[in-house]
Each structure stands twice: as C-alpha cells, then as structure tokens.
C-alpha cells in the first residue's frame, strides 16, 4: 500500500531538520495573525512527547535533542524582538495556557487548584463558542510571559503536574491528552498618510506632514499556537493495564476514536457526510478549530519501526493519510 504525506523523516533524522522543514513556516503564519496547531499522533511509546519537546525534564535535555516546542518558542521571541527594534510603536504580549484532558475531565495544569476542584466535582473549565463560531476555553488561566525561558518554565511547571504512569509498553506513558497554547496579541500602529506624501507637490508636502502625525491606524491581532500532545493509542492486552490504568486507556482510546471519526467525516472526498461529530468527545470539541476550522494545522504521525508494532503503525498511517484530505478555511484574526 502506498501513502502520501507532505514530509517523511527516517528514524535517524535530527530534531533540527524536522523543525526547520515542518514547524518553522508555521511560526511566520502565527506572527501574520493566523491560528496554528501542531498535533502529534501515534501509538504509545512512538516518540510523540519527544518530538513535541513537552517532556518533564526539559531543562536537562541537550540542545540537539530539543523538540518542536522549545525551538518554536525561541524562534518566536527572536522574530518578535526584531520587529520591535525596527518599529518602536509595535507592541506584543505573549500568554500561555496548558490544559490536560484526563478521563474526559479538563484540568488546567498552570492552576494547581484545578485538579482539586475536579475531584470535588466543581470544574470551572468550559468549552465555549463565540459569536464568530470560534472555540475558546472559559476559566483557563492565561499567564503573561516576557522571555523564552519564562515561557518554557511554565511548560515545565505544567508538565510536572501532568498525569504519567508506567505500562508494559512505556515506562513514562502519558495518560492524558495535553494542549499547550501560546497566545500572541499584537498591536500594530500604521500611519495612514505615509503613502500619500509622494504624490503631493513640494509646497503642500510640508503641510501634509504636519497633519499626518494625527492619522494612524491601530490594528490588534490575536493569534493562537496550539501544541497538542495526544496520548498514545494502546491495546489493553499489550499494555497489560488494569484498574485505573485500564480506565485511562479506555478514555484515551475513546477520545482518539472520536477524533478518527471527525477526521474521516472531514476527509471524506465524496462529502456524503454532512454532520461532523465534534461533540462526541471533549478532545474533538477542543480541536474543532484545528480540524476543518480556522487554523493552519500540521499533523505529526509518529510510528515505531519495530515489527511487533506493525498493525498500530499501519493504523497510524491510514489515520494520517485521511487527515491530509481535510481542508481548513483560514483567516487572519483581527
């Protein structure tokens, strides 16, 4: 069987190459004002958390092994600071939020109180839709950050709160889907009369220059970058999970099944399906904009080269191949 993908990387590929080819063009789109999403999908133990760079001990990882998130953050701040130097009136704010979807419950990883509230059954996190049909999360803590180190510190703080457990297939298996969001708010001030000055005769030019100081256009652009680290699909007979682990595995697979159904419905070229089942799971509801909505989305399908994982590898490839047919409608968020 043959599959078609935009990029294919063998297992010995360096992290830098993966980032430069796939992820760095998306940073430019974020700064232009588009929403961007990177989804990592694959079976348990295939390297999703490693590729995304959302591992626990982020500070101890050597630079060449850093994943997409730390590299994207560095590049984002470098670009923003360069723009600010060129244009002093340009302003930007960067916020971060970090959500975990564990057993179909939303947990805010940057707010320690969130897990306690969930246990008491008082969750304040809601998935809402605004007037334009865009999805937003109510009650999520957004933290203002001013440097790459501060932002990665928040990532690390959230990662430490993330639910991880050991199964027979993976020592540190993520037991939840995590969505790390970087929210960029930019304020651009443009002078309106700059273009007209060239057409004016010399005598009038001095007058129009004085007036031009008063006329300026302020545009505010808010764009979001979601890094989604999905928990791995797993077969209970291979992970030998029991009790809570088994329950988590069932919740994980339930979310991924709903995601698969949404991808199939959106990627169906005949488009016989008119209803897209976004509401089947909180995972698909959270990712509604990224799948078929207003977002530039990159899906990273991680597969294992081992023979024993052949069936899961084939399923992942089929899944990603269907996702390629999805067409998103993208617009700048002004």
Protein backbone atom coordinates (compact mmCIF):
# COMPACT_ATOMS: atom_id res chain seq x y z
CA UNK A 1 0.00 0.00 0.00
CA UNK A 2 1.21 3.49 -0.67
CA UNK A 3 0.50 6.60 1.41
CA UNK A 4 1.06 10.22 0.51
CA UNK A 5 2.49 12.70 3.01
CA UNK A 6 4.00 16.18 2.78
CA UNK A 7 7.15 15.19 4.67
CA UNK A 8 8.65 11.82 5.60
CA UNK A 9 11.54 11.53 8.08
CA UNK A 10 13.52 8.34 8.77
CA UNK A 11 14.20 7.40 12.40
CA UNK A 12 17.75 8.84 12.43
CA UNK A 13 16.59 12.35 11.44
CA UNK A 14 17.80 15.14 13.74
CA UNK A 15 15.21 17.23 15.63
CA UNK A 16 16.52 20.41 13.97
CA UNK A 17 15.68 19.09 10.49
CA UNK A 18 12.11 18.16 11.48
CA UNK A 19 11.62 21.62 12.99
CA UNK A 20 13.05 23.57 10.05
CA UNK A 21 11.06 21.64 7.43
CA UNK A 22 7.65 21.41 9.12
CA UNK A 23 7.30 23.79 12.03
CA UNK A 24 9.27 26.96 11.28
CA UNK A 25 6.95 28.11 8.41
CA UNK A 26 4.06 27.92 10.91
CA UNK A 27 5.73 30.47 13.22
CA UNK A 28 5.65 33.02 10.39
CA UNK A 29 1.93 32.30 9.94
CA UNK A 30 1.35 32.86 13.68
CA UNK A 31 3.02 36.29 13.52
CA UNK A 32 0.92 37.15 10.44
CA UNK A 33 -2.16 36.57 12.62
CA UNK A 34 -3.30 33.04 11.76
CA UNK A 35 -4.16 30.33 14.26
CA UNK A 36 -1.76 27.40 14.11
CA UNK A 37 -1.95 23.85 15.51
CA UNK A 38 0.56 21.01 15.64
CA UNK A 39 -0.89 17.60 16.52
CA UNK A 40 1.34 14.68 17.49
CA UNK A 41 -0.37 11.35 16.95
CA UNK A 42 0.84 7.74 17.18
CA UNK A 43 0.80 4.63 19.31
CA UNK A 44 2.17 4.58 22.84
CA UNK A 45 5.98 4.81 23.00
CA UNK A 46 6.45 6.03 19.40
CA UNK A 47 8.07 9.36 20.37
CA UNK A 48 5.30 11.96 20.35
CA UNK A 49 6.31 13.71 23.58
CA UNK A 50 9.97 13.58 22.47
CA UNK A 51 9.19 15.13 19.07
CA UNK A 52 6.98 17.83 20.58
CA UNK A 53 9.51 18.60 23.32
CA UNK A 54 6.96 18.62 26.13
CA UNK A 55 8.94 16.17 28.29
CA UNK A 56 9.22 16.63 32.06
CA UNK A 57 12.92 17.37 32.40
CA UNK A 58 13.05 19.92 29.60
CA UNK A 59 15.98 21.81 31.14
CA UNK A 60 18.24 18.72 31.19
CA UNK A 61 17.82 17.86 27.51
CA UNK A 62 20.87 18.68 25.32
CA UNK A 63 20.13 21.35 22.65
CA UNK A 64 20.26 18.92 19.69
CA UNK A 65 17.52 16.75 21.26
CA UNK A 66 15.12 19.60 21.98
CA UNK A 67 11.71 19.14 20.41
CA UNK A 68 9.45 21.41 18.40
CA UNK A 69 8.02 23.48 21.29
CA UNK A 70 11.32 24.86 22.75
CA UNK A 71 12.65 25.62 19.26
CA UNK A 72 9.41 27.32 18.19
CA UNK A 73 9.40 29.48 21.33
CA UNK A 74 12.99 30.65 20.76
CA UNK A 75 12.25 31.47 17.12
CA UNK A 76 9.01 33.29 18.01
CA UNK A 77 10.66 35.62 20.54
CA UNK A 78 13.64 36.30 18.23
CA UNK A 79 11.25 37.34 15.42
CA UNK A 80 9.05 39.48 17.69
CA UNK A 81 12.02 41.32 19.21
CA UNK A 82 13.45 42.03 15.74
CA UNK A 83 10.13 43.55 14.69
CA UNK A 84 10.02 45.70 17.79
CA UNK A 85 13.53 47.05 17.08
CA UNK A 86 12.55 48.01 13.53
CA UNK A 87 9.25 49.59 14.59
CA UNK A 88 9.16 51.06 18.13
CA UNK A 89 5.36 51.53 18.05
CA UNK A 90 4.86 47.76 17.57
CA UNK A 91 3.74 46.04 20.77
CA UNK A 92 3.17 42.40 21.61
CA UNK A 93 2.08 40.29 24.57
CA UNK A 94 2.57 36.55 24.83
CA UNK A 95 0.36 34.44 27.10
CA UNK A 96 0.44 30.71 27.73
CA UNK A 97 -2.14 28.20 28.88
CA UNK A 98 -1.73 24.46 29.43
CA UNK A 99 -4.71 22.10 29.52
CA UNK A 100 -4.91 18.38 30.20
CA UNK A 101 -7.79 16.14 29.20
CA UNK A 102 -7.71 13.23 31.64
CA UNK A 103 -10.56 10.68 31.65
CA UNK A 104 -12.74 13.22 29.78
CA UNK A 105 -12.12 15.83 32.53
CA UNK A 106 -10.45 19.14 31.72
CA UNK A 107 -7.63 20.09 34.08
CA UNK A 108 -5.72 23.38 34.00
CA UNK A 109 -2.07 22.44 34.55
CA UNK A 110 -0.98 26.01 35.37
CA UNK A 111 -3.59 26.31 38.11
CA UNK A 112 -2.85 23.84 40.95
CA UNK A 113 -6.34 24.31 42.36
CA UNK A 114 -7.90 22.91 39.19
CA UNK A 115 -7.23 19.22 39.96
CA UNK A 116 -8.61 19.60 43.49
CA UNK A 117 -11.78 21.23 42.17
CA UNK A 118 -12.20 18.40 39.67
CA UNK A 119 -12.07 15.79 42.43
CA UNK A 120 -14.81 17.66 44.28
CA UNK A 121 -16.81 17.87 41.07
CA UNK A 122 -16.53 21.68 40.79
CA UNK A 123 -14.79 22.14 37.47
CA UNK A 124 -14.75 25.76 36.24
CA UNK A 125 -13.34 24.97 32.80
CA UNK A 126 -15.82 25.19 29.95
CA UNK A 127 -15.52 24.90 26.18
CA UNK A 128 -17.48 27.74 24.61
CA UNK A 129 -18.14 29.16 21.16
CA UNK A 130 -18.07 32.89 20.43
CA UNK A 131 -20.29 34.84 18.00
CA UNK A 132 -17.97 34.08 15.06
CA UNK A 133 -18.10 30.35 15.72
CA UNK A 134 -14.57 30.26 17.13
CA UNK A 135 -13.90 27.94 20.05
CA UNK A 136 -12.50 29.36 23.28
CA UNK A 137 -11.95 27.90 26.74
CA UNK A 138 -13.61 29.70 29.63
CA UNK A 139 -11.95 29.64 33.05
CA UNK A 140 -8.45 28.76 31.82
CA UNK A 141 -5.53 30.55 33.49
CA UNK A 142 -3.50 32.52 30.93
CA UNK A 143 -0.05 33.51 32.17
CA UNK A 144 1.75 36.53 30.69
CA UNK A 145 5.38 35.74 29.79
CA UNK A 146 8.13 38.03 28.56
CA UNK A 147 11.01 35.72 27.58
CA UNK A 148 11.57 32.22 26.13
CA UNK A 149 12.97 30.94 29.45
CA UNK A 150 9.93 32.15 31.35
CA UNK A 151 7.62 30.50 28.83
CA UNK A 152 9.49 27.20 28.96
CA UNK A 153 9.42 27.44 32.76
CA UNK A 154 5.60 27.47 32.57
CA UNK A 155 5.72 24.49 30.20
CA UNK A 156 7.89 22.60 32.67
CA UNK A 157 5.69 23.57 35.60
CA UNK A 158 2.65 22.25 33.74
CA UNK A 159 4.41 19.09 32.56
CA UNK A 160 5.27 18.17 36.15
CA UNK A 161 1.56 18.21 37.01
CA UNK A 162 0.69 16.03 34.04
CA UNK A 163 -0.59 12.51 34.64
CA UNK A 164 2.10 9.98 33.73
CA UNK A 165 2.21 6.28 34.64
CA UNK A 166 4.08 3.13 33.75
CA UNK A 167 2.59 0.45 31.46
CA UNK A 168 4.17 -2.66 29.97
CA UNK A 169 4.90 -0.78 26.72
CA UNK A 170 6.24 2.51 28.08
CA UNK A 171 7.86 3.47 31.41
CA UNK A 172 6.59 7.06 31.31
CA UNK A 173 3.39 6.79 29.33
CA UNK A 174 1.31 10.00 29.07
CA UNK A 175 -2.11 9.14 30.49
CA UNK A 176 -3.84 12.22 29.14
CA UNK A 177 -4.06 14.46 26.10
CA UNK A 178 -2.29 17.78 26.66
CA UNK A 179 -2.80 21.07 24.82
CA UNK A 180 -0.14 23.73 25.35
CA UNK A 181 -1.25 27.06 23.86
CA UNK A 182 0.76 30.17 23.13
CA UNK A 183 -1.46 33.20 22.64
CA UNK A 184 0.09 36.13 20.78
CA UNK A 185 -1.56 39.56 20.99
CA UNK A 186 -0.01 42.15 18.68
CA UNK A 187 -0.74 45.85 18.34
CA UNK A 188 0.43 47.46 15.10
CA UNK A 189 0.21 51.21 14.55
CA UNK A 190 0.42 52.29 10.91
CA UNK A 191 0.43 55.88 9.65
CA UNK A 192 -2.23 56.34 7.00
CA UNK A 193 -0.80 59.40 5.22
CA UNK A 194 2.66 57.97 4.61
CA UNK A 195 1.72 56.73 1.14
CA UNK A 196 0.07 59.94 0.02
CA UNK A 197 3.02 62.22 0.68
CA UNK A 198 4.84 61.25 -2.52
CA UNK A 199 2.02 62.48 -4.77
CA UNK A 200 1.81 65.96 -3.22
CA UNK A 201 3.67 68.97 -4.77
CA UNK A 202 6.65 70.23 -2.65
CA UNK A 203 4.84 73.28 -1.22
CA UNK A 204 1.94 71.26 0.16
CA UNK A 205 4.17 68.43 1.34
CA UNK A 206 5.26 70.33 4.45
CA UNK A 207 1.64 70.95 5.48
CA UNK A 208 0.55 67.36 4.93
CA UNK A 209 3.47 66.11 7.00
CA UNK A 210 2.22 68.03 9.99
CA UNK A 211 -1.25 66.57 9.60
CA UNK A 212 -0.03 63.04 9.11
CA UNK A 213 1.03 62.80 12.72
CA UNK A 214 -2.60 62.75 13.78
CA UNK A 215 -3.78 59.98 11.47
CA UNK A 216 -2.74 56.47 12.35
CA UNK A 217 -4.40 53.10 12.15
CA UNK A 218 -4.14 50.76 15.12
CA UNK A 219 -4.80 47.12 14.37
CA UNK A 220 -4.93 44.46 17.05
CA UNK A 221 -4.30 40.88 16.04
CA UNK A 222 -4.70 37.88 18.35
CA UNK A 223 -3.44 34.52 17.16
CA UNK A 224 -3.02 31.20 18.94
CA UNK A 225 -0.49 28.40 18.56
CA UNK A 226 -1.73 25.08 19.96
CA UNK A 227 0.80 22.30 20.54
CA UNK A 228 -1.23 19.13 21.04
CA UNK A 229 0.44 16.08 22.54
CA UNK A 230 -2.12 13.29 22.24
CA UNK A 231 -1.81 10.27 24.50
CA UNK A 232 -0.88 7.13 22.57
CA UNK A 233 -3.47 4.71 21.30
CA UNK A 234 -2.96 1.43 23.07
CA UNK A 235 -4.28 -2.11 23.21
CA UNK A 236 -5.06 -3.23 26.73
CA UNK A 237 -3.80 -6.75 26.07
CA UNK A 238 -0.38 -5.36 25.14
CA UNK A 239 -0.04 -2.77 27.92
CA UNK A 240 -1.48 -5.26 30.46
CA UNK A 241 -3.18 -2.35 32.16
CA UNK A 242 -5.63 -3.00 35.00
CA UNK A 243 -7.72 -0.82 37.32
CA UNK A 244 -7.10 2.91 36.87
CA UNK A 245 -4.57 2.36 34.07
CA UNK A 246 -7.18 0.41 32.09
CA UNK A 247 -9.80 3.09 32.70
CA UNK A 248 -7.35 5.74 31.44
CA UNK A 249 -6.56 3.64 28.38
CA UNK A 250 -10.27 3.33 27.58
CA UNK A 251 -10.79 7.11 27.94
CA UNK A 252 -7.72 7.79 25.76
CA UNK A 253 -8.92 5.41 23.04
CA UNK A 254 -12.44 6.83 23.25
CA UNK A 255 -11.12 10.35 22.56
CA UNK A 256 -8.92 9.13 19.72
CA UNK A 257 -11.83 7.18 18.20
CA UNK A 258 -13.95 10.35 18.20
CA UNK A 259 -11.01 12.22 16.64
CA UNK A 260 -10.75 9.49 13.98
CA UNK A 261 -14.46 9.81 13.20
CA UNK A 262 -14.14 13.59 12.80
CA UNK A 263 -11.09 13.20 10.55
CA UNK A 264 -12.95 10.57 8.44
CA UNK A 265 -16.02 12.79 8.12
CA UNK A 266 -13.93 15.85 7.16
CA UNK A 267 -11.54 13.96 4.87
CA UNK A 268 -14.28 12.07 3.05
CA UNK A 269 -13.80 13.26 -0.54
CA UNK A 270 -17.31 12.31 -1.64
CA UNK A 271 -18.60 14.51 1.27
CA UNK A 272 -21.70 12.38 1.77
CA UNK A 273 -21.40 13.11 5.48
CA UNK A 274 -22.89 16.48 6.33
CA UNK A 275 -22.76 16.14 10.13
CA UNK A 276 -19.30 16.37 11.71
CA UNK A 277 -19.40 14.68 15.17
CA UNK A 278 -17.33 17.30 17.07
CA UNK A 279 -19.39 16.88 20.24
CA UNK A 280 -18.72 13.16 20.68
CA UNK A 281 -15.71 13.87 22.88
CA UNK A 282 -14.16 16.85 24.65
CA UNK A 283 -10.96 16.25 22.66
CA UNK A 284 -12.67 16.86 19.31
CA UNK A 285 -14.57 19.82 20.75
CA UNK A 286 -11.29 21.40 21.91
CA UNK A 287 -9.74 20.81 18.49
CA UNK A 288 -12.79 21.90 16.48
CA UNK A 289 -10.99 24.95 15.05
CA UNK A 290 -7.87 22.95 14.23
CA UNK A 291 -9.84 20.34 12.29
CA UNK A 292 -11.74 21.88 9.43
CA UNK A 293 -11.94 25.30 11.11
CA UNK A 294 -9.86 28.49 11.20
CA UNK A 295 -6.35 27.13 11.73
CA UNK A 296 -3.22 26.05 9.89
CA UNK A 297 -2.75 22.51 11.15
CA UNK A 298 0.25 20.17 10.96
CA UNK A 299 -0.26 16.55 11.98
CA UNK A 300 2.85 14.73 13.10
CA UNK A 301 2.30 10.97 12.81
CA UNK A 302 4.87 9.07 14.88
CA UNK A 303 5.38 5.40 14.08
CA UNK A 304 7.52 2.67 15.58
CA UNK A 305 9.94 0.79 13.27
CA UNK A 306 9.51 -2.49 15.22
CA UNK A 307 7.82 -5.49 13.52
CA UNK A 308 5.77 -6.21 16.62
CA UNK A 309 4.00 -2.85 16.18
CA UNK A 310 3.07 -3.42 12.54
CA UNK A 311 -0.72 -3.19 12.98
CA UNK A 312 -0.57 0.03 15.02
CA UNK A 313 1.87 1.55 12.52
CA UNK A 314 -0.49 0.74 9.65
CA UNK A 315 -3.43 2.25 11.53
CA UNK A 316 -1.46 5.44 12.26
CA UNK A 317 -0.53 5.80 8.58
CA UNK A 318 -4.14 5.32 7.48
CA UNK A 319 -5.29 7.86 10.08
CA UNK A 320 -2.75 10.49 8.98
CA UNK A 321 -3.47 9.81 5.31
CA UNK A 322 -7.16 10.60 5.88
CA UNK A 323 -6.25 13.74 7.80
CA UNK A 324 -4.41 15.00 4.73
CA UNK A 325 -7.68 15.40 2.83
CA UNK A 326 -9.07 17.92 5.35
CA UNK A 327 -9.35 21.45 4.02
CA UNK A 328 -9.35 24.25 6.62
CA UNK A 329 -10.66 27.76 6.00
CA UNK A 330 -8.04 30.14 7.31
CA UNK A 331 -8.37 33.87 8.03
CA UNK A 332 -6.42 36.48 9.99
CA UNK A 333 -7.90 37.18 13.45
CA UNK A 334 -8.22 40.96 13.54
